[in-house]
C-alpha atoms as a PDB file:
ATOM      1  CA  UNK A   1       0.000   0.000   0.000  1.00  0.00           C
ATOM      2  CA  UNK A   2       1.098   3.530  -0.770  1.00  0.00           C
ATOM      3  CA  UNK A   3       1.122   6.262   1.873  1.00  0.00           C
ATOM      4  CA  UNK A   4      -1.273   9.022   0.748  1.00  0.00           C
ATOM      5  CA  UNK A   5      -2.024  12.574   1.840  1.00  0.00           C
ATOM      6  CA  UNK A   6      -5.505  13.773   0.885  1.00  0.00           C
ATOM      7  CA  UNK A   7      -6.831  17.311   1.214  1.00  0.00           C
ATOM      8  CA  UNK A   8     -10.456  18.334   0.797  1.00  0.00           C
ATOM      9  CA  UNK A   9     -11.631  21.956   0.819  1.00  0.00           C
ATOM     10  CA  UNK A  10     -14.987  23.446  -0.080  1.00  0.00           C
ATOM     11  CA  UNK A  11     -18.081  25.287   1.077  1.00  0.00           C
ATOM     12  CA  UNK A  12     -19.542  23.564   4.112  1.00  0.00           C
ATOM     13  CA  UNK A  13     -22.625  21.402   3.752  1.00  0.00           C
ATOM     14  CA  UNK A  14     -24.016  18.405   5.618  1.00  0.00           C
ATOM     15  CA  UNK A  15     -22.503  15.078   4.571  1.00  0.00           C
ATOM     16  CA  UNK A  16     -19.024  16.040   3.322  1.00  0.00           C
ATOM     17  CA  UNK A  17     -17.264  13.855   5.883  1.00  0.00           C
ATOM     18  CA  UNK A  18     -19.627  10.963   5.187  1.00  0.00           C
ATOM     19  CA  UNK A  19     -19.190  11.319   1.403  1.00  0.00           C
ATOM     20  CA  UNK A  20     -15.389  11.432   1.529  1.00  0.00           C
ATOM     21  CA  UNK A  21     -14.938   8.681   4.097  1.00  0.00           C
ATOM     22  CA  UNK A  22     -17.458   6.384   2.370  1.00  0.00           C
ATOM     23  CA  UNK A  23     -15.553   6.804  -0.906  1.00  0.00           C
ATOM     24  CA  UNK A  24     -12.305   5.970   0.874  1.00  0.00           C
ATOM     25  CA  UNK A  25     -13.782   3.014   2.750  1.00  0.00           C
ATOM     26  CA  UNK A  26     -14.991   1.667  -0.607  1.00  0.00           C
ATOM     27  CA  UNK A  27     -11.348   1.368  -1.693  1.00  0.00           C
ATOM     28  CA  UNK A  28     -10.356  -0.335   1.551  1.00  0.00           C
ATOM     29  CA  UNK A  29      -8.598   2.729   2.945  1.00  0.00           C
ATOM     30  CA  UNK A  30      -8.423   3.128   6.704  1.00  0.00           C
ATOM     31  CA  UNK A  31      -7.975   6.674   8.042  1.00  0.00           C
ATOM     32  CA  UNK A  32      -4.693   6.810   9.946  1.00  0.00           C
ATOM     33  CA  UNK A  33      -4.358  10.502  10.842  1.00  0.00           C
ATOM     34  CA  UNK A  34      -6.853  13.214  10.030  1.00  0.00           C
ATOM     35  CA  UNK A  35      -7.995  16.663  10.936  1.00  0.00           C
ATOM     36  CA  UNK A  36     -11.275  18.215   9.860  1.00  0.00           C
ATOM     37  CA  UNK A  37     -12.569  21.688  10.631  1.00  0.00           C
ATOM     38  CA  UNK A  38     -14.669  24.641   9.526  1.00  0.00           C
ATOM     39  CA  UNK A  39     -12.808  27.780   8.495  1.00  0.00           C
ATOM     40  CA  UNK A  40     -15.055  30.795   7.857  1.00  0.00           C
ATOM     41  CA  UNK A  41     -17.810  28.642   6.377  1.00  0.00           C
ATOM     42  CA  UNK A  42     -15.452  26.442   4.398  1.00  0.00           C
ATOM     43  CA  UNK A  43     -14.836  22.828   5.285  1.00  0.00           C
ATOM     44  CA  UNK A  44     -11.198  21.702   5.349  1.00  0.00           C
ATOM     45  CA  UNK A  45      -9.919  18.169   5.793  1.00  0.00           C
ATOM     46  CA  UNK A  46      -6.458  16.619   5.700  1.00  0.00           C
ATOM     47  CA  UNK A  47      -6.087  12.838   5.830  1.00  0.00           C
ATOM     48  CA  UNK A  48      -3.042  10.582   5.884  1.00  0.00           C
ATOM     49  CA  UNK A  49      -3.786   6.993   4.975  1.00  0.00           C
ATOM     50  CA  UNK A  50      -2.428   4.021   3.061  1.00  0.00           C
ATOM     51  CA  UNK A  51      -4.173   2.831  -0.045  1.00  0.00           C
ATOM     52  CA  UNK A  52      -4.126   2.272  -3.785  1.00  0.00           C
ATOM     53  CA  UNK A  53      -3.331   5.693  -5.310  1.00  0.00           C
ATOM     54  CA  UNK A  54      -5.270   5.394  -8.595  1.00  0.00           C
ATOM     55  CA  UNK A  55      -8.310   3.763  -6.962  1.00  0.00           C
ATOM     56  CA  UNK A  56      -8.475   6.465  -4.293  1.00  0.00           C
ATOM     57  CA  UNK A  57      -8.248   9.235  -6.914  1.00  0.00           C
ATOM     58  CA  UNK A  58     -11.006   7.597  -8.964  1.00  0.00           C
ATOM     59  CA  UNK A  59     -13.243   7.064  -5.913  1.00  0.00           C
ATOM     60  CA  UNK A  60     -13.004  10.754  -4.979  1.00  0.00           C
ATOM     61  CA  UNK A  61     -13.516  12.016  -8.547  1.00  0.00           C
ATOM     62  CA  UNK A  62     -17.347  12.297  -8.288  1.00  0.00           C
ATOM     63  CA  UNK A  63     -16.918  14.723  -5.362  1.00  0.00           C
ATOM     64  CA  UNK A  64     -14.737  17.135  -7.311  1.00  0.00           C
ATOM     65  CA  UNK A  65     -16.316  20.307  -8.568  1.00  0.00           C
ATOM     66  CA  UNK A  66     -17.910  21.555  -5.392  1.00  0.00           C
ATOM     67  CA  UNK A  67     -14.851  20.333  -3.479  1.00  0.00           C
ATOM     68  CA  UNK A  68     -11.178  20.872  -4.238  1.00  0.00           C
ATOM     69  CA  UNK A  69      -9.529  17.500  -3.611  1.00  0.00           C
ATOM     70  CA  UNK A  70      -5.869  16.577  -3.865  1.00  0.00           C
ATOM     71  CA  UNK A  71      -4.384  13.121  -3.466  1.00  0.00           C
ATOM     72  CA  UNK A  72      -0.613  12.876  -3.164  1.00  0.00           C
ATOM     73  CA  UNK A  73       1.733  10.028  -2.574  1.00  0.00           C
ATOM     74  CA  UNK A  74       3.968  10.787   0.384  1.00  0.00           C
ATOM     75  CA  UNK A  75       7.138   9.192   1.671  1.00  0.00           C
ATOM     76  CA  UNK A  76       7.212   6.469   4.250  1.00  0.00           C
ATOM     77  CA  UNK A  77       5.583   7.354   7.515  1.00  0.00           C
ATOM     78  CA  UNK A  78       7.882   8.914  10.048  1.00  0.00           C
ATOM     79  CA  UNK A  79       6.582   8.537  13.542  1.00  0.00           C
ATOM     80  CA  UNK A  80       6.821  11.819  15.425  1.00  0.00           C
ATOM     81  CA  UNK A  81       9.285  11.333  18.260  1.00  0.00           C
ATOM     82  CA  UNK A  82       8.408  13.816  21.010  1.00  0.00           C
ATOM     83  CA  UNK A  83      11.274  16.190  21.747  1.00  0.00           C
ATOM     84  CA  UNK A  84      10.124  16.878  25.283  1.00  0.00           C
ATOM     85  CA  UNK A  85       7.148  17.692  27.450  1.00  0.00           C
ATOM     86  CA  UNK A  86       3.970  19.192  26.005  1.00  0.00           C
ATOM     87  CA  UNK A  87       2.662  22.652  26.801  1.00  0.00           C
ATOM     88  CA  UNK A  88      -0.498  24.519  25.939  1.00  0.00           C
ATOM     89  CA  UNK A  89       0.024  27.943  24.398  1.00  0.00           C
ATOM     90  CA  UNK A  90      -2.838  30.420  24.344  1.00  0.00           C
ATOM     91  CA  UNK A  91      -2.897  33.866  22.755  1.00  0.00           C
ATOM     92  CA  UNK A  92      -5.871  36.212  22.692  1.00  0.00           C
ATOM     93  CA  UNK A  93      -6.471  39.825  21.848  1.00  0.00           C
ATOM     94  CA  UNK A  94      -7.295  42.279  19.116  1.00  0.00           C
ATOM     95  CA  UNK A  95      -6.777  40.912  15.627  1.00  0.00           C
ATOM     96  CA  UNK A  96      -3.807  42.121  13.617  1.00  0.00           C
ATOM     97  CA  UNK A  97      -1.339  40.678  11.093  1.00  0.00           C
ATOM     98  CA  UNK A  98       1.733  38.874  12.412  1.00  0.00           C
ATOM     99  CA  UNK A  99       0.450  37.285  15.613  1.00  0.00           C
ATOM    100  CA  UNK A 100       1.005  33.678  14.514  1.00  0.00           C
ATOM    101  CA  UNK A 101       4.389  34.462  12.947  1.00  0.00           C
ATOM    102  CA  UNK A 102       5.739  36.285  15.997  1.00  0.00           C
ATOM    103  CA  UNK A 103       4.537  33.801  18.613  1.00  0.00           C
ATOM    104  CA  UNK A 104       5.593  30.690  16.707  1.00  0.00           C
ATOM    105  CA  UNK A 105       9.007  32.273  16.063  1.00  0.00           C
ATOM    106  CA  UNK A 106       9.501  32.545  19.839  1.00  0.00           C
ATOM    107  CA  UNK A 107       8.642  28.844  20.259  1.00  0.00           C
ATOM    108  CA  UNK A 108      11.024  27.890  17.440  1.00  0.00           C
ATOM    109  CA  UNK A 109      13.814  30.011  18.904  1.00  0.00           C
ATOM    110  CA  UNK A 110      13.556  27.932  22.093  1.00  0.00           C
ATOM    111  CA  UNK A 111      13.907  24.735  20.034  1.00  0.00           C
ATOM    112  CA  UNK A 112      10.216  23.930  20.363  1.00  0.00           C
ATOM    113  CA  UNK A 113       7.905  22.391  17.837  1.00  0.00           C
ATOM    114  CA  UNK A 114       4.200  23.020  17.301  1.00  0.00           C
ATOM    115  CA  UNK A 115       2.248  19.767  17.118  1.00  0.00           C
ATOM    116  CA  UNK A 116      -1.197  21.342  16.797  1.00  0.00           C
ATOM    117  CA  UNK A 117      -2.349  24.919  16.216  1.00  0.00           C
ATOM    118  CA  UNK A 118      -5.747  26.492  15.770  1.00  0.00           C
ATOM    119  CA  UNK A 119      -6.831  30.105  15.361  1.00  0.00           C
ATOM    120  CA  UNK A 120     -10.247  31.718  15.436  1.00  0.00           C
ATOM    121  CA  UNK A 121     -11.448  35.237  14.795  1.00  0.00           C
ATOM    122  CA  UNK A 122     -14.626  36.146  16.668  1.00  0.00           C
ATOM    123  CA  UNK A 123     -15.526  39.721  15.885  1.00  0.00           C
ATOM    124  CA  UNK A 124     -12.432  41.681  16.865  1.00  0.00           C
ATOM    125  CA  UNK A 125     -11.108  38.966  19.222  1.00  0.00           C
ATOM    126  CA  UNK A 126      -8.341  36.748  17.841  1.00  0.00           C
ATOM    127  CA  UNK A 127      -7.640  33.484  19.648  1.00  0.00           C
ATOM    128  CA  UNK A 128      -4.717  31.138  19.025  1.00  0.00           C
ATOM    129  CA  UNK A 129      -4.346  27.819  20.822  1.00  0.00           C
ATOM    130  CA  UNK A 130      -1.455  25.471  20.241  1.00  0.00           C
ATOM    131  CA  UNK A 131       0.075  22.311  21.575  1.00  0.00           C
ATOM    132  CA  UNK A 132       3.819  22.804  21.831  1.00  0.00           C
ATOM    133  CA  UNK A 133       6.651  20.413  22.616  1.00  0.00           C
ATOM    134  CA  UNK A 134       9.779  21.868  24.170  1.00  0.00           C
ATOM    135  CA  UNK A 135      13.124  20.140  24.585  1.00  0.00           C
ATOM    136  CA  UNK A 136      14.247  19.521  28.180  1.00  0.00           C
ATOM    137  CA  UNK A 137      17.044  22.037  27.568  1.00  0.00           C
ATOM    138  CA  UNK A 138      14.574  24.861  26.873  1.00  0.00           C
ATOM    139  CA  UNK A 139      14.776  27.671  29.397  1.00  0.00           C
ATOM    140  CA  UNK A 140      11.101  28.111  30.240  1.00  0.00           C
ATOM    141  CA  UNK A 141      11.566  31.329  32.164  1.00  0.00           C
ATOM    142  CA  UNK A 142      13.336  32.944  29.206  1.00  0.00           C
ATOM    143  CA  UNK A 143      10.712  31.649  26.763  1.00  0.00           C
ATOM    144  CA  UNK A 144       7.866  32.911  28.929  1.00  0.00           C
ATOM    145  CA  UNK A 145       9.525  36.338  29.167  1.00  0.00           C
ATOM    146  CA  UNK A 146      10.105  36.425  25.384  1.00  0.00           C
ATOM    147  CA  UNK A 147       6.465  35.476  24.796  1.00  0.00           C
ATOM    148  CA  UNK A 148       5.296  38.193  27.217  1.00  0.00           C
ATOM    149  CA  UNK A 149       7.415  40.841  25.472  1.00  0.00           C
ATOM    150  CA  UNK A 150       6.190  39.717  22.060  1.00  0.00           C
ATOM    151  CA  UNK A 151       2.579  39.678  23.272  1.00  0.00           C
ATOM    152  CA  UNK A 152       2.945  43.159  24.714  1.00  0.00           C
ATOM    153  CA  UNK A 153       4.307  44.438  21.391  1.00  0.00           C
ATOM    154  CA  UNK A 154       1.343  42.834  19.596  1.00  0.00           C
ATOM    155  CA  UNK A 155      -1.219  44.045  22.128  1.00  0.00           C
ATOM    156  CA  UNK A 156      -2.377  40.523  23.023  1.00  0.00           C
ATOM    157  CA  UNK A 157      -2.326  38.249  26.065  1.00  0.00           C
ATOM    158  CA  UNK A 158      -0.324  35.023  26.166  1.00  0.00           C
ATOM    159  CA  UNK A 159      -0.007  32.016  28.452  1.00  0.00           C
ATOM    160  CA  UNK A 160       2.145  28.897  28.317  1.00  0.00           C
ATOM    161  CA  UNK A 161       1.351  26.074  30.714  1.00  0.00           C
ATOM    162  CA  UNK A 162       2.290  22.421  31.042  1.00  0.00           C
ATOM    163  CA  UNK A 163      -0.236  20.164  29.346  1.00  0.00           C
ATOM    164  CA  UNK A 164      -1.853  17.535  31.460  1.00  0.00           C
ATOM    165  CA  UNK A 165      -2.328  14.201  29.703  1.00  0.00           C
ATOM    166  CA  UNK A 166      -6.104  14.777  29.929  1.00  0.00           C
ATOM    167  CA  UNK A 167      -5.697  18.034  27.949  1.00  0.00           C
ATOM    168  CA  UNK A 168      -4.145  16.383  24.897  1.00  0.00           C
END
């Protein structure tokens, strides 16, 4: 079986998940990793699975048109090896360009990696939540201070706290 990455994007409507997953199940594909969400009224889905490339493309073909669907072969699966403990990062405040770039740059500068990130705009309030892994060598006090300075410059609030296993 070939490792596949499938993306599906389109205007939201009832039944998209059922339509896509039924088409995949019909080819014998089992969903391995997936994320599905609504973004400003548009449905977005990313799936990693193993299956027969041409059959999967053909099975999804009837859904094209209203939905933009890509099917790509990807390299062998590489299991994510955690680099350290998990933390929950939260940012909230007035919307403006550059929030995600600035905050994620601070995490990267500490050697951290983002394993999940979501943003939402509700009126004027911008909210970012992320799951972050930091190496044991990361200096948390310095990172927290850098995040606070960055947040102050952006006019937003920020918090970084250890993730409990129930939170993940």
